[in-house]
Amino acid sequence: MMGIISFFLGLQISQSPRGIFINQSKYALESLKKYGFESCDPVDTPMVKKSKLDEDKEGKAVDPSHYRGMIGTRGERGSGTAP
């Protein structure tokens, strides 16, 4: 007998009498830590839908590769499971 599976291909798996549950909380927490967001408060919707954003003329430049990495991480998380 191989035993009860608890982690497979980045997915956390837990079993109980109510069923089998799969989540990616470990991956999500690692991603938040990687990009310095581990101390942020969660919200349901991060911004108002269809809002008009103004240019931040005094803001600092953003590293495009860092931004692409964050977006890619979000995409990878969603590709393994669906809500």
PDB file of N, CA and C in Angstrom:
ATOM      1  N   MET A   1       0.851  -1.183   0.000  1.00  0.00           N
ATOM      2  CA  MET A   1       0.000   0.000   0.000  1.00  0.00           C
ATOM      3  C   MET A   1       0.891   1.238   0.000  1.00  0.00           C
ATOM      4  N   MET A   2       0.554   2.219  -0.788  1.00  0.00           N
ATOM      5  CA  MET A   2       1.363   3.418  -0.947  1.00  0.00           C
ATOM      6  C   MET A   2       1.069   4.483   0.107  1.00  0.00           C
ATOM      7  N   GLY A   3      -0.072   4.491   0.719  1.00  0.00           N
ATOM      8  CA  GLY A   3      -0.409   5.514   1.698  1.00  0.00           C
ATOM      9  C   GLY A   3      -1.339   6.574   1.124  1.00  0.00           C
ATOM     10  N   ILE A   4      -1.701   7.500   1.975  1.00  0.00           N
ATOM     11  CA  ILE A   4      -2.619   8.569   1.589  1.00  0.00           C
ATOM     12  C   ILE A   4      -1.827   9.700   0.946  1.00  0.00           C
ATOM     13  N   ILE A   5      -2.279  10.158  -0.193  1.00  0.00           N
ATOM     14  CA  ILE A   5      -1.607  11.252  -0.898  1.00  0.00           C
ATOM     15  C   ILE A   5      -1.982  12.582  -0.242  1.00  0.00           C
ATOM     16  N   SER A   6      -0.979  13.457  -0.086  1.00  0.00           N
ATOM     17  CA  SER A   6      -1.263  14.768   0.509  1.00  0.00           C
ATOM     18  C   SER A   6      -0.748  15.915  -0.357  1.00  0.00           C
ATOM     19  N   PHE A   7       0.135  15.610  -1.313  1.00  0.00           N
ATOM     20  CA  PHE A   7       0.697  16.647  -2.177  1.00  0.00           C
ATOM     21  C   PHE A   7       1.026  16.010  -3.517  1.00  0.00           C
ATOM     22  N   PHE A   8       0.532  16.596  -4.623  1.00  0.00           N
ATOM     23  CA  PHE A   8       0.759  16.019  -5.943  1.00  0.00           C
ATOM     24  C   PHE A   8       0.796  17.125  -6.983  1.00  0.00           C
ATOM     25  N   LEU A   9       1.908  17.233  -7.714  1.00  0.00           N
ATOM     26  CA  LEU A   9       2.078  18.220  -8.786  1.00  0.00           C
ATOM     27  C   LEU A   9       1.697  19.633  -8.350  1.00  0.00           C
ATOM     28  N   GLY A  10       2.124  20.018  -7.167  1.00  0.00           N
ATOM     29  CA  GLY A  10       1.854  21.362  -6.672  1.00  0.00           C
ATOM     30  C   GLY A  10       0.488  21.554  -6.045  1.00  0.00           C
ATOM     31  N   LEU A  11      -0.299  20.517  -6.008  1.00  0.00           N
ATOM     32  CA  LEU A  11      -1.635  20.596  -5.426  1.00  0.00           C
ATOM     33  C   LEU A  11      -1.629  19.941  -4.051  1.00  0.00           C
ATOM     34  N   GLN A  12      -2.237  20.592  -3.081  1.00  0.00           N
ATOM     35  CA  GLN A  12      -2.403  20.005  -1.758  1.00  0.00           C
ATOM     36  C   GLN A  12      -3.705  19.219  -1.758  1.00  0.00           C
ATOM     37  N   ILE A  13      -3.650  18.005  -1.253  1.00  0.00           N
ATOM     38  CA  ILE A  13      -4.814  17.128  -1.274  1.00  0.00           C
ATOM     39  C   ILE A  13      -5.103  16.663   0.145  1.00  0.00           C
ATOM     40  N   SER A  14      -6.336  16.827   0.576  1.00  0.00           N
ATOM     41  CA  SER A  14      -6.738  16.326   1.894  1.00  0.00           C
ATOM     42  C   SER A  14      -7.998  15.487   1.731  1.00  0.00           C
ATOM     43  N   GLN A  15      -8.069  14.435   2.532  1.00  0.00           N
ATOM     44  CA  GLN A  15      -9.204  13.523   2.466  1.00  0.00           C
ATOM     45  C   GLN A  15      -9.893  13.474   3.819  1.00  0.00           C
ATOM     46  N   SER A  16     -11.201  13.439   3.783  1.00  0.00           N
ATOM     47  CA  SER A  16     -11.992  13.332   5.007  1.00  0.00           C
ATOM     48  C   SER A  16     -13.254  12.535   4.675  1.00  0.00           C
ATOM     49  N   PRO A  17     -14.042  12.207   5.674  1.00  0.00           N
ATOM     50  CA  PRO A  17     -15.301  11.510   5.394  1.00  0.00           C
ATOM     51  C   PRO A  17     -16.232  12.312   4.475  1.00  0.00           C
ATOM     52  N   ARG A  18     -16.068  13.643   4.451  1.00  0.00           N
ATOM     53  CA  ARG A  18     -16.909  14.488   3.589  1.00  0.00           C
ATOM     54  C   ARG A  18     -16.459  14.479   2.136  1.00  0.00           C
ATOM     55  N   GLY A  19     -15.224  14.046   1.860  1.00  0.00           N
ATOM     56  CA  GLY A  19     -14.756  14.008   0.488  1.00  0.00           C
ATOM     57  C   GLY A  19     -13.271  14.290   0.362  1.00  0.00           C
ATOM     58  N   ILE A  20     -12.833  14.482  -0.863  1.00  0.00           N
ATOM     59  CA  ILE A  20     -11.442  14.803  -1.177  1.00  0.00           C
ATOM     60  C   ILE A  20     -11.390  16.271  -1.575  1.00  0.00           C
ATOM     61  N   PHE A  21     -10.448  17.008  -0.978  1.00  0.00           N
ATOM     62  CA  PHE A  21     -10.344  18.446  -1.215  1.00  0.00           C
ATOM     63  C   PHE A  21      -8.975  18.779  -1.780  1.00  0.00           C
ATOM     64  N   ILE A  22      -8.957  19.599  -2.818  1.00  0.00           N
ATOM     65  CA  ILE A  22      -7.723  20.002  -3.492  1.00  0.00           C
ATOM     66  C   ILE A  22      -7.616  21.516  -3.432  1.00  0.00           C
ATOM     67  N   ASN A  23      -6.420  22.013  -3.070  1.00  0.00           N
ATOM     68  CA  ASN A  23      -6.212  23.461  -3.087  1.00  0.00           C
ATOM     69  C   ASN A  23      -4.761  23.777  -3.418  1.00  0.00           C
ATOM     70  N   GLN A  24      -4.491  25.039  -3.671  1.00  0.00           N
ATOM     71  CA  GLN A  24      -3.151  25.507  -4.014  1.00  0.00           C
ATOM     72  C   GLN A  24      -2.698  26.607  -3.060  1.00  0.00           C
ATOM     73  N   SER A  25      -3.114  26.549  -1.812  1.00  0.00           N
ATOM     74  CA  SER A  25      -2.771  27.620  -0.876  1.00  0.00           C
ATOM     75  C   SER A  25      -1.268  27.743  -0.664  1.00  0.00           C
ATOM     76  N   LYS A  26      -0.544  26.632  -0.638  1.00  0.00           N
ATOM     77  CA  LYS A  26       0.912  26.691  -0.461  1.00  0.00           C
ATOM     78  C   LYS A  26       1.554  27.452  -1.624  1.00  0.00           C
ATOM     79  N   TYR A  27       1.139  27.131  -2.851  1.00  0.00           N
ATOM     80  CA  TYR A  27       1.676  27.813  -4.028  1.00  0.00           C
ATOM     81  C   TYR A  27       1.323  29.298  -4.006  1.00  0.00           C
ATOM     82  N   ALA A  28       0.099  29.613  -3.630  1.00  0.00           N
ATOM     83  CA  ALA A  28      -0.331  31.013  -3.575  1.00  0.00           C
ATOM     84  C   ALA A  28       0.483  31.786  -2.545  1.00  0.00           C
ATOM     85  N   LEU A  29       0.696  31.208  -1.364  1.00  0.00           N
ATOM     86  CA  LEU A  29       1.483  31.880  -0.324  1.00  0.00           C
ATOM     87  C   LEU A  29       2.939  32.061  -0.746  1.00  0.00           C
ATOM     88  N   GLU A  30       3.520  31.051  -1.417  1.00  0.00           N
ATOM     89  CA  GLU A  30       4.893  31.169  -1.914  1.00  0.00           C
ATOM     90  C   GLU A  30       4.996  32.280  -2.960  1.00  0.00           C
ATOM     91  N   SER A  31       3.988  32.399  -3.824  1.00  0.00           N
ATOM     92  CA  SER A  31       3.976  33.449  -4.848  1.00  0.00           C
ATOM     93  C   SER A  31       3.879  34.831  -4.215  1.00  0.00           C
ATOM     94  N   LEU A  32       3.027  34.982  -3.207  1.00  0.00           N
ATOM     95  CA  LEU A  32       2.903  36.265  -2.510  1.00  0.00           C
ATOM     96  C   LEU A  32       4.223  36.649  -1.855  1.00  0.00           C
ATOM     97  N   LYS A  33       4.880  35.681  -1.242  1.00  0.00           N
ATOM     98  CA  LYS A  33       6.163  35.947  -0.585  1.00  0.00           C
ATOM     99  C   LYS A  33       7.232  36.323  -1.616  1.00  0.00           C
ATOM    100  N   LYS A  34       7.252  35.627  -2.748  1.00  0.00           N
ATOM    101  CA  LYS A  34       8.243  35.875  -3.800  1.00  0.00           C
ATOM    102  C   LYS A  34       8.202  37.324  -4.285  1.00  0.00           C
ATOM    103  N   TYR A  35       7.004  37.898  -4.384  1.00  0.00           N
ATOM    104  CA  TYR A  35       6.854  39.252  -4.908  1.00  0.00           C
ATOM    105  C   TYR A  35       6.601  40.299  -3.825  1.00  0.00           C
ATOM    106  N   GLY A  36       6.794  39.921  -2.560  1.00  0.00           N
ATOM    107  CA  GLY A  36       6.711  40.887  -1.471  1.00  0.00           C
ATOM    108  C   GLY A  36       5.311  41.295  -1.059  1.00  0.00           C
ATOM    109  N   PHE A  37       4.332  40.428  -1.284  1.00  0.00           N
ATOM    110  CA  PHE A  37       2.950  40.749  -0.940  1.00  0.00           C
ATOM    111  C   PHE A  37       2.416  39.928   0.228  1.00  0.00           C
ATOM    112  N   GLU A  38       3.286  39.264   0.985  1.00  0.00           N
ATOM    113  CA  GLU A  38       2.796  38.377   2.037  1.00  0.00           C
ATOM    114  C   GLU A  38       2.099  39.099   3.181  1.00  0.00           C
ATOM    115  N   SER A  39       2.327  40.394   3.340  1.00  0.00           N
ATOM    116  CA  SER A  39       1.681  41.124   4.438  1.00  0.00           C
ATOM    117  C   SER A  39       0.440  41.901   3.981  1.00  0.00           C
ATOM    118  N   CYS A  40       0.016  41.723   2.740  1.00  0.00           N
ATOM    119  CA  CYS A  40      -1.161  42.432   2.231  1.00  0.00           C
ATOM    120  C   CYS A  40      -2.449  41.804   2.764  1.00  0.00           C
ATOM    121  N   ASP A  41      -3.467  42.628   2.909  1.00  0.00           N
ATOM    122  CA  ASP A  41      -4.777  42.147   3.335  1.00  0.00           C
ATOM    123  C   ASP A  41      -5.566  41.668   2.118  1.00  0.00           C
ATOM    124  N   PRO A  42      -6.233  40.520   2.207  1.00  0.00           N
ATOM    125  CA  PRO A  42      -7.026  40.040   1.076  1.00  0.00           C
ATOM    126  C   PRO A  42      -8.296  40.871   0.893  1.00  0.00           C
ATOM    127  N   VAL A  43      -8.727  41.003  -0.350  1.00  0.00           N
ATOM    128  CA  VAL A  43      -9.977  41.687  -0.677  1.00  0.00           C
ATOM    129  C   VAL A  43     -10.698  40.881  -1.753  1.00  0.00           C
ATOM    130  N   ASP A  44     -12.013  41.052  -1.838  1.00  0.00           N
ATOM    131  CA  ASP A  44     -12.781  40.323  -2.840  1.00  0.00           C
ATOM    132  C   ASP A  44     -12.487  40.810  -4.252  1.00  0.00           C
ATOM    133  N   THR A  45     -12.519  42.108  -4.467  1.00  0.00           N
ATOM    134  CA  THR A  45     -12.235  42.698  -5.769  1.00  0.00           C
ATOM    135  C   THR A  45     -11.205  43.797  -5.553  1.00  0.00           C
ATOM    136  N   PRO A  46     -10.017  43.673  -6.142  1.00  0.00           N
ATOM    137  CA  PRO A  46      -8.961  44.642  -5.855  1.00  0.00           C
ATOM    138  C   PRO A  46      -9.208  46.048  -6.385  1.00  0.00           C
ATOM    139  N   MET A  47     -10.094  46.214  -7.328  1.00  0.00           N
ATOM    140  CA  MET A  47     -10.358  47.561  -7.837  1.00  0.00           C
ATOM    141  C   MET A  47     -11.754  47.640  -8.446  1.00  0.00           C
ATOM    142  N   VAL A  48     -12.234  48.829  -8.587  1.00  0.00           N
ATOM    143  CA  VAL A  48     -13.559  49.053  -9.155  1.00  0.00           C
ATOM    144  C   VAL A  48     -13.548  48.644 -10.626  1.00  0.00           C
ATOM    145  N   LYS A  49     -14.572  47.966 -11.051  1.00  0.00           N
ATOM    146  CA  LYS A  49     -14.673  47.560 -12.448  1.00  0.00           C
ATOM    147  C   LYS A  49     -14.850  48.784 -13.336  1.00  0.00           C
ATOM    148  N   LYS A  50     -14.218  48.745 -14.491  1.00  0.00           N
ATOM    149  CA  LYS A  50     -14.308  49.788 -15.513  1.00  0.00           C
ATOM    150  C   LYS A  50     -13.911  51.170 -14.998  1.00  0.00           C
ATOM    151  N   SER A  51     -12.972  51.218 -14.076  1.00  0.00           N
ATOM    152  CA  SER A  51     -12.512  52.527 -13.601  1.00  0.00           C
ATOM    153  C   SER A  51     -11.487  53.090 -14.584  1.00  0.00           C
ATOM    154  N   LYS A  52     -11.408  54.400 -14.659  1.00  0.00           N
ATOM    155  CA  LYS A  52     -10.446  55.063 -15.537  1.00  0.00           C
ATOM    156  C   LYS A  52      -9.214  55.405 -14.707  1.00  0.00           C
ATOM    157  N   LEU A  53      -8.070  54.901 -15.130  1.00  0.00           N
ATOM    158  CA  LEU A  53      -6.829  55.143 -14.412  1.00  0.00           C
ATOM    159  C   LEU A  53      -6.091  56.323 -15.028  1.00  0.00           C
ATOM    160  N   ASP A  54      -5.595  57.196 -14.183  1.00  0.00           N
ATOM    161  CA  ASP A  54      -4.800  58.329 -14.644  1.00  0.00           C
ATOM    162  C   ASP A  54      -3.326  57.964 -14.610  1.00  0.00           C
ATOM    163  N   GLU A  55      -2.550  58.598 -15.459  1.00  0.00           N
ATOM    164  CA  GLU A  55      -1.111  58.368 -15.482  1.00  0.00           C
ATOM    165  C   GLU A  55      -0.484  58.900 -14.194  1.00  0.00           C
ATOM    166  N   ASP A  56       0.404  58.117 -13.613  1.00  0.00           N
ATOM    167  CA  ASP A  56       1.120  58.520 -12.400  1.00  0.00           C
ATOM    168  C   ASP A  56       2.426  59.181 -12.834  1.00  0.00           C
ATOM    169  N   LYS A  57       2.397  60.494 -12.995  1.00  0.00           N
ATOM    170  CA  LYS A  57       3.553  61.217 -13.529  1.00  0.00           C
ATOM    171  C   LYS A  57       4.714  61.286 -12.549  1.00  0.00           C
ATOM    172  N   GLU A  58       4.448  61.087 -11.264  1.00  0.00           N
ATOM    173  CA  GLU A  58       5.510  61.145 -10.262  1.00  0.00           C
ATOM    174  C   GLU A  58       5.947  59.753  -9.801  1.00  0.00           C
ATOM    175  N   GLY A  59       5.352  58.728 -10.342  1.00  0.00           N
ATOM    176  CA  GLY A  59       5.666  57.363  -9.923  1.00  0.00           C
ATOM    177  C   GLY A  59       7.003  56.894 -10.464  1.00  0.00           C
ATOM    178  N   LYS A  60       7.504  55.816  -9.885  1.00  0.00           N
ATOM    179  CA  LYS A  60       8.778  55.273 -10.343  1.00  0.00           C
ATOM    180  C   LYS A  60       8.539  54.278 -11.477  1.00  0.00           C
ATOM    181  N   ALA A  61       9.561  54.075 -12.283  1.00  0.00           N
ATOM    182  CA  ALA A  61       9.473  53.156 -13.415  1.00  0.00           C
ATOM    183  C   ALA A  61       9.308  51.722 -12.908  1.00  0.00           C
ATOM    184  N   VAL A  62       8.588  50.929 -13.667  1.00  0.00           N
ATOM    185  CA  VAL A  62       8.340  49.538 -13.313  1.00  0.00           C
ATOM    186  C   VAL A  62       9.167  48.647 -14.226  1.00  0.00           C
ATOM    187  N   ASP A  63       9.790  47.628 -13.641  1.00  0.00           N
ATOM    188  CA  ASP A  63      10.552  46.654 -14.420  1.00  0.00           C
ATOM    189  C   ASP A  63       9.560  45.723 -15.125  1.00  0.00           C
ATOM    190  N   PRO A  64       9.467  45.778 -16.448  1.00  0.00           N
ATOM    191  CA  PRO A  64       8.482  44.960 -17.169  1.00  0.00           C
ATOM    192  C   PRO A  64       8.644  43.461 -16.916  1.00  0.00           C
ATOM    193  N   SER A  65       9.873  42.970 -16.776  1.00  0.00           N
ATOM    194  CA  SER A  65      10.067  41.534 -16.567  1.00  0.00           C
ATOM    195  C   SER A  65       9.534  41.106 -15.197  1.00  0.00           C
ATOM    196  N   HIS A  66       9.664  41.959 -14.202  1.00  0.00           N
ATOM    197  CA  HIS A  66       9.129  41.662 -12.869  1.00  0.00           C
ATOM    198  C   HIS A  66       7.601  41.586 -12.935  1.00  0.00           C
ATOM    199  N   TYR A  67       6.989  42.537 -13.624  1.00  0.00           N
ATOM    200  CA  TYR A  67       5.530  42.559 -13.774  1.00  0.00           C
ATOM    201  C   TYR A  67       5.050  41.317 -14.528  1.00  0.00           C
ATOM    202  N   ARG A  68       5.733  40.971 -15.625  1.00  0.00           N
ATOM    203  CA  ARG A  68       5.352  39.783 -16.397  1.00  0.00           C
ATOM    204  C   ARG A  68       5.472  38.517 -15.549  1.00  0.00           C
ATOM    205  N   GLY A  69       6.490  38.475 -14.684  1.00  0.00           N
ATOM    206  CA  GLY A  69       6.652  37.326 -13.799  1.00  0.00           C
ATOM    207  C   GLY A  69       5.483  37.172 -12.851  1.00  0.00           C
ATOM    208  N   MET A  70       5.021  38.297 -12.293  1.00  0.00           N
ATOM    209  CA  MET A  70       3.873  38.241 -11.383  1.00  0.00           C
ATOM    210  C   MET A  70       2.622  37.769 -12.115  1.00  0.00           C
ATOM    211  N   ILE A  71       2.388  38.297 -13.303  1.00  0.00           N
ATOM    212  CA  ILE A  71       1.207  37.910 -14.078  1.00  0.00           C
ATOM    213  C   ILE A  71       1.302  36.442 -14.482  1.00  0.00           C
ATOM    214  N   GLY A  72       2.486  35.995 -14.878  1.00  0.00           N
ATOM    215  CA  GLY A  72       2.683  34.594 -15.244  1.00  0.00           C
ATOM    216  C   GLY A  72       2.437  33.660 -14.081  1.00  0.00           C
ATOM    217  N   THR A  73       2.868  34.065 -12.891  1.00  0.00           N
ATOM    218  CA  THR A  73       2.641  33.259 -11.697  1.00  0.00           C
ATOM    219  C   THR A  73       1.151  33.097 -11.456  1.00  0.00           C
ATOM    220  N   ARG A  74       0.401  34.145 -11.631  1.00  0.00           N
ATOM    221  CA  ARG A  74      -1.054  34.101 -11.449  1.00  0.00           C
ATOM    222  C   ARG A  74      -1.674  33.139 -12.460  1.00  0.00           C
ATOM    223  N   GLY A  75      -1.198  33.185 -13.696  1.00  0.00           N
ATOM    224  CA  GLY A  75      -1.723  32.297 -14.727  1.00  0.00           C
ATOM    225  C   GLY A  75      -1.420  30.835 -14.454  1.00  0.00           C
ATOM    226  N   GLU A  76      -0.214  30.561 -13.947  1.00  0.00           N
ATOM    227  CA  GLU A  76       0.162  29.191 -13.628  1.00  0.00           C
ATOM    228  C   GLU A  76      -0.722  28.627 -12.529  1.00  0.00           C
ATOM    229  N   ARG A  77      -1.043  29.440 -11.539  1.00  0.00           N
ATOM    230  CA  ARG A  77      -1.878  28.987 -10.430  1.00  0.00           C
ATOM    231  C   ARG A  77      -3.248  28.573 -10.943  1.00  0.00           C
ATOM    232  N   GLY A  78      -3.781  29.326 -11.882  1.00  0.00           N
ATOM    233  CA  GLY A  78      -5.114  29.034 -12.391  1.00  0.00           C
ATOM    234  C   GLY A  78      -5.169  27.865 -13.349  1.00  0.00           C
ATOM    235  N   SER A  79      -4.032  27.472 -13.915  1.00  0.00           N
ATOM    236  CA  SER A  79      -4.062  26.413 -14.913  1.00  0.00           C
ATOM    237  C   SER A  79      -4.192  25.018 -14.309  1.00  0.00           C
ATOM    238  N   GLY A  80      -3.848  24.855 -13.029  1.00  0.00           N
ATOM    239  CA  GLY A  80      -3.904  23.535 -12.416  1.00  0.00           C
ATOM    240  C   GLY A  80      -5.285  23.134 -11.945  1.00  0.00           C
ATOM    241  N   THR A  81      -6.064  24.100 -11.500  1.00  0.00           N
ATOM    242  CA  THR A  81      -7.403  23.811 -10.993  1.00  0.00           C
ATOM    243  C   THR A  81      -8.347  24.929 -11.391  1.00  0.00           C
ATOM    244  N   ALA A  82      -9.602  24.656 -11.288  1.00  0.00           N
ATOM    245  CA  ALA A  82     -10.617  25.681 -11.567  1.00  0.00           C
ATOM    246  C   ALA A  82     -11.511  25.816 -10.345  1.00  0.00           C
ATOM    247  N   PRO A  83     -12.048  27.021 -10.101  1.00  0.00           N
ATOM    248  CA  PRO A  83     -12.921  27.200  -8.932  1.00  0.00           C
ATOM    249  C   PRO A  83     -14.197  26.398  -9.040  1.00  0.00           C
TER     250      PRO A  83
END
